[in-house]
Amino acid sequence: MKGIIILTSDERAYRQGAVIETGAFIHPPTREDITYIVHLRKVTEKEIKRWLDIVGYRLVIVIDKLPTLSKDIKEEIIIDKSLLVGKPNHKKQIDALFRWTDRQRVHNAFKGMPIPLAVSFLRENKKGDMHLWRLLADVQYTLPTEYAEAVMVYSIKPSRVTVKWPKKKAKQDERPTIFRESDVYWREIINADKKVRNTVRSENIERLPKSVKKRKEKVLEWF
């Protein structure tokens, strides 16, 4: 029986039965009795197609924004309603988190807030709060989202200081899928090796670094 891929921004409804939850593709989602929940910054249609024939039961991909998808691929996957609503305005939830004194009220208002977005505000406003960051490191990606929410809500001391909004970062090159997440020198490897560059051009050209030309290079080999 072919498994199913679900795209969502809120994974809580899918934590049923046996679940493996990670921040990257550490385990191949092949087991027929396991729900795999993977948190990604974004996903492409090409990546979704690659996993379709591998999923044994259920693969839940947690993202903040729905990618551009063709009509054919939409018919093969499930898109959760959390990704189909209009773009939410989280200003009230952010103000509540940093400024309201009634933390139980904050907790009620904060439910459903995308954790990566909340973390970006914490980096801007609570860089030096090591106690908060240690608690968050203990629960994020290892325990259900409710724990990260609780850490943020009850560890922050409210203040009337104006909340700083995160600055937009320049778009960075994404690691091609031929490299492991632990390969921190993948850029240097691409720059140094023509064969590797050609492999990326063939298998993952959309993740080719901007500084590298898309045309394949001739490689001389000794036989």
C-alpha atoms as a PDB file:
ATOM      1  CA  MET A   1       0.000   0.000   0.000  1.00  0.00           C
ATOM      2  CA  LYS A   2       1.384   3.373  -1.023  1.00  0.00           C
ATOM      3  CA  GLY A   3       1.853   5.910   1.773  1.00  0.00           C
ATOM      4  CA  ILE A   4       0.694   9.508   1.843  1.00  0.00           C
ATOM      5  CA  ILE A   5       2.492  12.839   2.145  1.00  0.00           C
ATOM      6  CA  ILE A   6       0.847  15.639   4.137  1.00  0.00           C
ATOM      7  CA  LEU A   7       1.953  19.275   4.036  1.00  0.00           C
ATOM      8  CA  THR A   8       1.043  21.318   7.100  1.00  0.00           C
ATOM      9  CA  SER A   9       2.139  24.229   9.278  1.00  0.00           C
ATOM     10  CA  ASP A  10       0.639  22.643  12.410  1.00  0.00           C
ATOM     11  CA  GLU A  11       1.623  19.022  13.029  1.00  0.00           C
ATOM     12  CA  ARG A  12      -0.220  18.476  16.312  1.00  0.00           C
ATOM     13  CA  ALA A  13      -3.214  16.708  14.774  1.00  0.00           C
ATOM     14  CA  TYR A  14      -0.903  14.056  13.245  1.00  0.00           C
ATOM     15  CA  ARG A  15       0.857  12.963  16.436  1.00  0.00           C
ATOM     16  CA  GLN A  16      -1.117   9.745  16.684  1.00  0.00           C
ATOM     17  CA  GLY A  17       0.198   6.214  17.108  1.00  0.00           C
ATOM     18  CA  ALA A  18       3.900   5.587  16.578  1.00  0.00           C
ATOM     19  CA  VAL A  19       5.647   8.813  15.564  1.00  0.00           C
ATOM     20  CA  ILE A  20       9.219   9.794  14.648  1.00  0.00           C
ATOM     21  CA  GLU A  21       9.715  13.578  14.642  1.00  0.00           C
ATOM     22  CA  THR A  22      12.894  15.289  13.457  1.00  0.00           C
ATOM     23  CA  GLY A  23      14.244  18.571  12.113  1.00  0.00           C
ATOM     24  CA  ALA A  24      15.562  16.930   8.929  1.00  0.00           C
ATOM     25  CA  PHE A  25      15.340  13.676   6.942  1.00  0.00           C
ATOM     26  CA  ILE A  26      17.344  11.493   9.329  1.00  0.00           C
ATOM     27  CA  HIS A  27      15.201   8.352   8.945  1.00  0.00           C
ATOM     28  CA  PRO A  28      13.931   7.133   5.538  1.00  0.00           C
ATOM     29  CA  PRO A  29      10.103   7.226   5.930  1.00  0.00           C
ATOM     30  CA  THR A  30       9.639   3.628   4.784  1.00  0.00           C
ATOM     31  CA  ARG A  31       8.015   1.923   7.784  1.00  0.00           C
ATOM     32  CA  GLU A  32       4.349   1.018   7.220  1.00  0.00           C
ATOM     33  CA  ASP A  33       3.406   1.588  10.869  1.00  0.00           C
ATOM     34  CA  ILE A  34       5.159   4.879  11.580  1.00  0.00           C
ATOM     35  CA  THR A  35       4.121   8.513  11.092  1.00  0.00           C
ATOM     36  CA  TYR A  36       7.217  10.556  10.201  1.00  0.00           C
ATOM     37  CA  ILE A  37       7.010  14.265  11.051  1.00  0.00           C
ATOM     38  CA  VAL A  38       9.780  16.366   9.515  1.00  0.00           C
ATOM     39  CA  HIS A  39      10.240  20.109  10.150  1.00  0.00           C
ATOM     40  CA  LEU A  40      11.714  21.892   7.118  1.00  0.00           C
ATOM     41  CA  ARG A  41      12.251  25.542   6.225  1.00  0.00           C
ATOM     42  CA  LYS A  42      10.690  24.843   2.840  1.00  0.00           C
ATOM     43  CA  VAL A  43      10.133  22.022   0.362  1.00  0.00           C
ATOM     44  CA  THR A  44       9.942  21.858  -3.431  1.00  0.00           C
ATOM     45  CA  GLU A  45       7.661  19.842  -5.709  1.00  0.00           C
ATOM     46  CA  LYS A  46      10.674  17.905  -6.969  1.00  0.00           C
ATOM     47  CA  GLU A  47      11.526  16.813  -3.414  1.00  0.00           C
ATOM     48  CA  ILE A  48       7.917  15.807  -2.738  1.00  0.00           C
ATOM     49  CA  LYS A  49       7.865  13.658  -5.896  1.00  0.00           C
ATOM     50  CA  ARG A  50      11.088  11.960  -4.817  1.00  0.00           C
ATOM     51  CA  TRP A  51       9.513  10.887  -1.501  1.00  0.00           C
ATOM     52  CA  LEU A  52       6.135   9.782  -2.897  1.00  0.00           C
ATOM     53  CA  ASP A  53       7.269   6.282  -3.850  1.00  0.00           C
ATOM     54  CA  ILE A  54       9.279   5.831  -0.641  1.00  0.00           C
ATOM     55  CA  VAL A  55       6.750   6.679   2.077  1.00  0.00           C
ATOM     56  CA  GLY A  56       5.499   3.513   3.751  1.00  0.00           C
ATOM     57  CA  TYR A  57       2.597   4.973   5.726  1.00  0.00           C
ATOM     58  CA  ARG A  58       2.495   8.701   6.458  1.00  0.00           C
ATOM     59  CA  LEU A  59       5.025  11.512   6.015  1.00  0.00           C
ATOM     60  CA  VAL A  60       4.030  14.862   7.530  1.00  0.00           C
ATOM     61  CA  ILE A  61       6.182  17.749   6.266  1.00  0.00           C
ATOM     62  CA  VAL A  62       5.918  20.827   8.490  1.00  0.00           C
ATOM     63  CA  ILE A  63       6.556  24.102   6.645  1.00  0.00           C
ATOM     64  CA  ASP A  64       5.538  27.730   7.112  1.00  0.00           C
ATOM     65  CA  LYS A  65       4.475  28.442   3.537  1.00  0.00           C
ATOM     66  CA  LEU A  66       2.883  26.318   0.813  1.00  0.00           C
ATOM     67  CA  PRO A  67       5.270  25.936  -2.164  1.00  0.00           C
ATOM     68  CA  THR A  68       4.250  26.311  -5.797  1.00  0.00           C
ATOM     69  CA  LEU A  69       2.729  22.979  -6.818  1.00  0.00           C
ATOM     70  CA  SER A  70       1.330  21.604 -10.069  1.00  0.00           C
ATOM     71  CA  LYS A  71      -2.244  20.301 -10.302  1.00  0.00           C
ATOM     72  CA  ASP A  72      -0.964  16.707 -10.685  1.00  0.00           C
ATOM     73  CA  ILE A  73       1.070  16.725  -7.487  1.00  0.00           C
ATOM     74  CA  LYS A  74      -1.790  18.334  -5.523  1.00  0.00           C
ATOM     75  CA  GLU A  75      -3.935  15.309  -6.400  1.00  0.00           C
ATOM     76  CA  GLU A  76      -1.342  12.921  -4.933  1.00  0.00           C
ATOM     77  CA  ILE A  77      -0.797  14.594  -1.554  1.00  0.00           C
ATOM     78  CA  ILE A  78      -2.836  16.136   1.257  1.00  0.00           C
ATOM     79  CA  ILE A  79      -2.523  19.871   1.958  1.00  0.00           C
ATOM     80  CA  ASP A  80      -3.619  20.640   5.501  1.00  0.00           C
ATOM     81  CA  LYS A  81      -6.059  23.516   6.018  1.00  0.00           C
ATOM     82  CA  SER A  82      -3.422  25.338   8.072  1.00  0.00           C
ATOM     83  CA  LEU A  83      -1.583  26.108   4.804  1.00  0.00           C
ATOM     84  CA  LEU A  84      -4.697  27.113   2.851  1.00  0.00           C
ATOM     85  CA  VAL A  85      -5.767  30.137   4.880  1.00  0.00           C
ATOM     86  CA  GLY A  86      -4.742  33.700   4.106  1.00  0.00           C
ATOM     87  CA  LYS A  87      -1.460  34.986   5.435  1.00  0.00           C
ATOM     88  CA  PRO A  88      -1.970  35.466   9.188  1.00  0.00           C
ATOM     89  CA  ASN A  89      -0.967  38.564  11.115  1.00  0.00           C
ATOM     90  CA  HIS A  90       0.799  37.458  14.298  1.00  0.00           C
ATOM     91  CA  LYS A  91       1.353  40.952  15.736  1.00  0.00           C
ATOM     92  CA  LYS A  92      -1.165  40.448  18.549  1.00  0.00           C
ATOM     93  CA  GLN A  93       0.452  37.138  19.589  1.00  0.00           C
ATOM     94  CA  ILE A  94       3.933  38.690  19.571  1.00  0.00           C
ATOM     95  CA  ASP A  95       2.791  41.702  21.602  1.00  0.00           C
ATOM     96  CA  ALA A  96       1.124  39.331  24.061  1.00  0.00           C
ATOM     97  CA  LEU A  97       4.263  37.217  24.421  1.00  0.00           C
ATOM     98  CA  PHE A  98       6.551  40.131  25.265  1.00  0.00           C
ATOM     99  CA  ARG A  99       4.219  42.679  26.902  1.00  0.00           C
ATOM    100  CA  TRP A 100       1.199  41.114  28.642  1.00  0.00           C
ATOM    101  CA  THR A 101       1.448  40.405  32.379  1.00  0.00           C
ATOM    102  CA  ASP A 102      -1.303  37.745  32.564  1.00  0.00           C
ATOM    103  CA  ARG A 103       0.710  34.761  31.285  1.00  0.00           C
ATOM    104  CA  GLN A 104      -2.259  32.366  31.264  1.00  0.00           C
ATOM    105  CA  ARG A 105      -3.998  34.800  28.924  1.00  0.00           C
ATOM    106  CA  VAL A 106      -0.799  34.953  26.880  1.00  0.00           C
ATOM    107  CA  HIS A 107      -0.738  31.150  26.686  1.00  0.00           C
ATOM    108  CA  ASN A 108      -4.290  31.083  25.313  1.00  0.00           C
ATOM    109  CA  ALA A 109      -3.477  33.758  22.729  1.00  0.00           C
ATOM    110  CA  PHE A 110      -0.146  32.181  21.770  1.00  0.00           C
ATOM    111  CA  LYS A 111      -1.538  28.781  20.729  1.00  0.00           C
ATOM    112  CA  GLY A 112      -0.993  28.124  17.029  1.00  0.00           C
ATOM    113  CA  MET A 113       1.854  30.621  16.710  1.00  0.00           C
ATOM    114  CA  PRO A 114       4.496  29.199  14.293  1.00  0.00           C
ATOM    115  CA  ILE A 115       7.436  28.254  16.497  1.00  0.00           C
ATOM    116  CA  PRO A 116      10.161  29.248  13.953  1.00  0.00           C
ATOM    117  CA  LEU A 117       8.589  32.728  13.673  1.00  0.00           C
ATOM    118  CA  ALA A 118       8.446  33.086  17.453  1.00  0.00           C
ATOM    119  CA  VAL A 119      12.102  32.006  17.714  1.00  0.00           C
ATOM    120  CA  SER A 120      13.107  34.703  15.206  1.00  0.00           C
ATOM    121  CA  PHE A 121      11.524  37.306  17.528  1.00  0.00           C
ATOM    122  CA  LEU A 122      13.315  35.796  20.521  1.00  0.00           C
ATOM    123  CA  ARG A 123      16.668  36.111  18.729  1.00  0.00           C
ATOM    124  CA  GLU A 124      15.983  39.786  18.155  1.00  0.00           C
ATOM    125  CA  ASN A 125      14.654  40.597  21.634  1.00  0.00           C
ATOM    126  CA  LYS A 126      16.060  37.978  24.055  1.00  0.00           C
ATOM    127  CA  LYS A 127      19.568  37.189  22.819  1.00  0.00           C
ATOM    128  CA  GLY A 128      21.128  37.328  26.290  1.00  0.00           C
ATOM    129  CA  ASP A 129      18.521  35.276  28.162  1.00  0.00           C
ATOM    130  CA  MET A 130      20.569  32.075  28.457  1.00  0.00           C
ATOM    131  CA  HIS A 131      18.070  30.406  30.819  1.00  0.00           C
ATOM    132  CA  LEU A 132      15.339  30.779  28.173  1.00  0.00           C
ATOM    133  CA  TRP A 133      17.553  29.454  25.379  1.00  0.00           C
ATOM    134  CA  ARG A 134      18.703  26.438  27.415  1.00  0.00           C
ATOM    135  CA  LEU A 135      15.113  25.497  28.230  1.00  0.00           C
ATOM    136  CA  LEU A 136      14.091  25.936  24.604  1.00  0.00           C
ATOM    137  CA  ALA A 137      17.018  23.815  23.387  1.00  0.00           C
ATOM    138  CA  ASP A 138      15.859  20.981  25.655  1.00  0.00           C
ATOM    139  CA  VAL A 139      12.358  20.791  24.128  1.00  0.00           C
ATOM    140  CA  GLN A 140      12.428  22.154  20.563  1.00  0.00           C
ATOM    141  CA  TYR A 141      12.219  19.347  17.935  1.00  0.00           C
ATOM    142  CA  THR A 142      12.380  16.671  20.633  1.00  0.00           C
ATOM    143  CA  LEU A 143       9.076  17.204  22.454  1.00  0.00           C
ATOM    144  CA  PRO A 144       5.632  18.247  21.193  1.00  0.00           C
ATOM    145  CA  THR A 145       5.180  21.893  20.160  1.00  0.00           C
ATOM    146  CA  GLU A 146       3.161  22.615  23.310  1.00  0.00           C
ATOM    147  CA  TYR A 147       6.362  22.376  25.384  1.00  0.00           C
ATOM    148  CA  ALA A 148       8.181  25.016  23.300  1.00  0.00           C
ATOM    149  CA  GLU A 149       5.107  27.244  23.563  1.00  0.00           C
ATOM    150  CA  ALA A 150       5.042  26.869  27.356  1.00  0.00           C
ATOM    151  CA  VAL A 151       8.769  27.638  27.669  1.00  0.00           C
ATOM    152  CA  MET A 152       8.354  30.858  25.688  1.00  0.00           C
ATOM    153  CA  VAL A 153       5.187  31.963  27.476  1.00  0.00           C
ATOM    154  CA  TYR A 154       6.298  31.337  31.068  1.00  0.00           C
ATOM    155  CA  SER A 155      10.035  32.081  30.811  1.00  0.00           C
ATOM    156  CA  ILE A 156       9.704  35.597  29.409  1.00  0.00           C
ATOM    157  CA  LYS A 157       9.300  38.469  31.840  1.00  0.00           C
ATOM    158  CA  PRO A 158       6.829  40.948  30.298  1.00  0.00           C
ATOM    159  CA  SER A 159       8.013  44.476  29.560  1.00  0.00           C
ATOM    160  CA  ARG A 160       6.540  47.637  28.040  1.00  0.00           C
ATOM    161  CA  VAL A 161       9.633  48.069  25.851  1.00  0.00           C
ATOM    162  CA  THR A 162       8.835  48.205  22.117  1.00  0.00           C
ATOM    163  CA  VAL A 163       9.209  44.788  20.472  1.00  0.00           C
ATOM    164  CA  LYS A 164      11.921  44.643  17.794  1.00  0.00           C
ATOM    165  CA  TRP A 165      10.887  42.889  14.584  1.00  0.00           C
ATOM    166  CA  PRO A 166      13.346  40.495  12.895  1.00  0.00           C
ATOM    167  CA  LYS A 167      15.301  41.877   9.994  1.00  0.00           C
ATOM    168  CA  LYS A 168      14.959  40.147   6.654  1.00  0.00           C
ATOM    169  CA  LYS A 169      18.051  38.127   5.809  1.00  0.00           C
ATOM    170  CA  ALA A 170      19.555  37.837   2.373  1.00  0.00           C
ATOM    171  CA  LYS A 171      18.643  34.579   0.688  1.00  0.00           C
ATOM    172  CA  GLN A 172      21.364  31.980   1.252  1.00  0.00           C
ATOM    173  CA  ASP A 173      22.384  29.033  -0.884  1.00  0.00           C
ATOM    174  CA  GLU A 174      20.712  25.778   0.148  1.00  0.00           C
ATOM    175  CA  ARG A 175      22.704  22.611   0.739  1.00  0.00           C
ATOM    176  CA  PRO A 176      22.283  20.211  -2.237  1.00  0.00           C
ATOM    177  CA  THR A 177      20.704  16.901  -1.241  1.00  0.00           C
ATOM    178  CA  ILE A 178      23.782  14.897  -2.290  1.00  0.00           C
ATOM    179  CA  PHE A 179      25.450  16.202   0.878  1.00  0.00           C
ATOM    180  CA  ARG A 180      24.656  15.143   4.434  1.00  0.00           C
ATOM    181  CA  GLU A 181      23.508  17.752   6.933  1.00  0.00           C
ATOM    182  CA  SER A 182      26.834  17.270   8.732  1.00  0.00           C
ATOM    183  CA  ASP A 183      28.830  18.229   5.608  1.00  0.00           C
ATOM    184  CA  VAL A 184      29.593  21.804   6.703  1.00  0.00           C
ATOM    185  CA  TYR A 185      32.173  22.313   3.923  1.00  0.00           C
ATOM    186  CA  TRP A 186      29.872  21.452   1.013  1.00  0.00           C
ATOM    187  CA  ARG A 187      30.399  24.881  -0.592  1.00  0.00           C
ATOM    188  CA  GLU A 188      34.172  24.415  -0.589  1.00  0.00           C
ATOM    189  CA  ILE A 189      33.778  20.902  -2.055  1.00  0.00           C
ATOM    190  CA  ILE A 190      31.603  22.227  -4.895  1.00  0.00           C
ATOM    191  CA  ASN A 191      34.080  25.034  -5.637  1.00  0.00           C
ATOM    192  CA  ALA A 192      37.019  22.626  -5.723  1.00  0.00           C
ATOM    193  CA  ASP A 193      35.643  19.637  -7.672  1.00  0.00           C
ATOM    194  CA  LYS A 194      34.241  19.715 -11.223  1.00  0.00           C
ATOM    195  CA  LYS A 195      32.720  16.231 -10.912  1.00  0.00           C
ATOM    196  CA  VAL A 196      30.782  17.273  -7.817  1.00  0.00           C
ATOM    197  CA  ARG A 197      29.582  20.415  -9.567  1.00  0.00           C
ATOM    198  CA  ASN A 198      28.363  18.340 -12.502  1.00  0.00           C
ATOM    199  CA  THR A 199      26.568  15.935 -10.144  1.00  0.00           C
ATOM    200  CA  VAL A 200      24.739  18.845  -8.516  1.00  0.00           C
ATOM    201  CA  ARG A 201      23.863  20.198 -11.966  1.00  0.00           C
ATOM    202  CA  SER A 202      22.333  16.827 -12.884  1.00  0.00           C
ATOM    203  CA  GLU A 203      20.512  15.993  -9.661  1.00  0.00           C
ATOM    204  CA  ASN A 204      19.850  19.245  -7.799  1.00  0.00           C
ATOM    205  CA  ILE A 205      20.422  22.181 -10.146  1.00  0.00           C
ATOM    206  CA  GLU A 206      17.923  24.379  -8.262  1.00  0.00           C
ATOM    207  CA  ARG A 207      20.338  24.284  -5.285  1.00  0.00           C
ATOM    208  CA  LEU A 208      23.448  25.078  -7.287  1.00  0.00           C
ATOM    209  CA  PRO A 209      25.186  28.050  -5.582  1.00  0.00           C
ATOM    210  CA  LYS A 210      24.579  31.335  -7.384  1.00  0.00           C
ATOM    211  CA  SER A 211      28.301  31.777  -8.008  1.00  0.00           C
ATOM    212  CA  VAL A 212      28.482  28.518 -10.023  1.00  0.00           C
ATOM    213  CA  LYS A 213      27.504  28.405 -13.712  1.00  0.00           C
ATOM    214  CA  LYS A 214      24.699  26.008 -14.665  1.00  0.00           C
ATOM    215  CA  ARG A 215      26.432  24.645 -17.784  1.00  0.00           C
ATOM    216  CA  LYS A 216      28.215  21.317 -17.232  1.00  0.00           C
ATOM    217  CA  GLU A 217      31.996  21.267 -17.343  1.00  0.00           C
ATOM    218  CA  LYS A 218      34.285  18.856 -19.183  1.00  0.00           C
ATOM    219  CA  VAL A 219      36.151  16.538 -16.855  1.00  0.00           C
ATOM    220  CA  LEU A 220      39.409  14.873 -17.925  1.00  0.00           C
ATOM    221  CA  GLU A 221      39.949  11.433 -16.380  1.00  0.00           C
ATOM    222  CA  TRP A 222      42.869   8.978 -16.535  1.00  0.00           C
ATOM    223  CA  PHE A 223      42.077   5.390 -17.479  1.00  0.00           C
END
